[in-house]
Amino acid sequence: MKLMTIKKAVKDVFNNQISGQLLYQACREKKLPHIIVGKCKILLEEEALYEWIKNQLIMSTQKQQDEEN
């Protein structure tokens, strides 16, 4: 299991293509599994990030299909 901070996830997983705020929001809304360390450090598991991305793509595709029908 590889854990990383939101800042590292934005850089390494998303190549700075999204903001950290999007990941913070997903954590707050309990849409993205995370671990809170101490008072303010959030850690994300790399595989959970890829699963979250996959789910976002599926939801986006379904929404587009619904709008076309």
Protein backbone atom coordinates (compact mmCIF):
# COMPACT_ATOMS: atom_id res chain seq x y z
CA MET A 1 0.00 0.00 0.00
CA LYS A 2 1.45 3.34 -1.07
CA LEU A 3 0.22 6.39 0.85
CA MET A 4 0.69 9.96 -0.30
CA THR A 5 -0.35 13.45 0.63
CA ILE A 6 -2.82 15.38 -1.48
CA LYS A 7 -0.01 17.61 -2.74
CA LYS A 8 1.99 14.57 -3.89
CA ALA A 9 -1.11 12.98 -5.46
CA VAL A 10 -1.81 16.13 -7.46
CA LYS A 11 1.77 16.13 -8.72
CA ASP A 12 2.46 12.40 -9.24
CA VAL A 13 -0.93 10.89 -10.09
CA PHE A 14 -2.65 13.82 -11.79
CA ASN A 15 0.41 15.59 -13.25
CA ASN A 16 -0.84 18.89 -11.82
CA GLN A 17 -3.95 18.69 -14.03
CA ILE A 18 -6.37 19.09 -11.10
CA SER A 19 -6.31 21.20 -7.96
CA GLY A 20 -5.74 19.85 -4.51
CA GLN A 21 -9.03 21.49 -3.55
CA LEU A 22 -10.90 18.95 -5.66
CA LEU A 23 -9.31 16.11 -3.69
CA TYR A 24 -9.94 17.86 -0.36
CA GLN A 25 -13.59 18.27 -1.35
CA ALA A 26 -13.88 14.59 -2.32
CA CYS A 27 -12.42 13.65 1.08
CA ARG A 28 -14.81 15.98 2.94
CA GLU A 29 -17.75 14.49 1.06
CA LYS A 30 -16.47 10.99 1.86
CA LYS A 31 -16.21 10.17 -1.85
CA LEU A 32 -12.48 9.46 -1.65
CA PRO A 33 -11.07 7.11 0.99
CA HIS A 34 -8.42 8.80 3.12
CA ILE A 35 -6.61 8.73 6.45
CA ILE A 36 -6.30 11.77 8.67
CA VAL A 37 -3.00 11.92 10.53
CA GLY A 38 -2.81 14.33 13.42
CA LYS A 39 -4.98 17.40 13.13
CA CYS A 40 -4.65 18.29 9.48
CA LYS A 41 -2.57 15.87 7.37
CA ILE A 42 -4.58 13.78 4.91
CA LEU A 43 -3.10 10.68 3.31
CA LEU A 44 -4.50 8.96 0.25
CA GLU A 45 -3.84 5.41 -0.91
CA GLU A 46 -2.61 5.30 -4.49
CA GLU A 47 -4.88 2.44 -5.63
CA ALA A 48 -7.91 4.19 -4.09
CA LEU A 49 -7.06 7.24 -6.20
CA TYR A 50 -7.06 5.20 -9.39
CA GLU A 51 -10.37 3.59 -8.41
CA TRP A 52 -11.84 7.05 -7.71
CA ILE A 53 -10.66 8.26 -11.15
CA LYS A 54 -12.24 5.20 -12.77
CA ASN A 55 -15.55 5.88 -10.98
CA GLN A 56 -15.45 9.55 -12.04
CA LEU A 57 -15.03 8.50 -15.68
CA ILE A 58 -17.91 6.03 -15.42
CA MET A 59 -20.21 8.64 -13.86
CA SER A 60 -19.22 11.21 -16.48
CA THR A 61 -19.92 8.79 -19.31
CA GLN A 62 -23.30 7.83 -17.86
CA LYS A 63 -24.26 11.49 -17.44
CA GLN A 64 -23.36 12.23 -21.07
CA GLN A 65 -25.41 9.25 -22.25
CA ASP A 66 -28.40 10.37 -20.18
CA GLU A 67 -28.19 13.86 -21.64
CA GLU A 68 -28.16 12.47 -25.18
CA ASN A 69 -31.33 10.43 -24.58
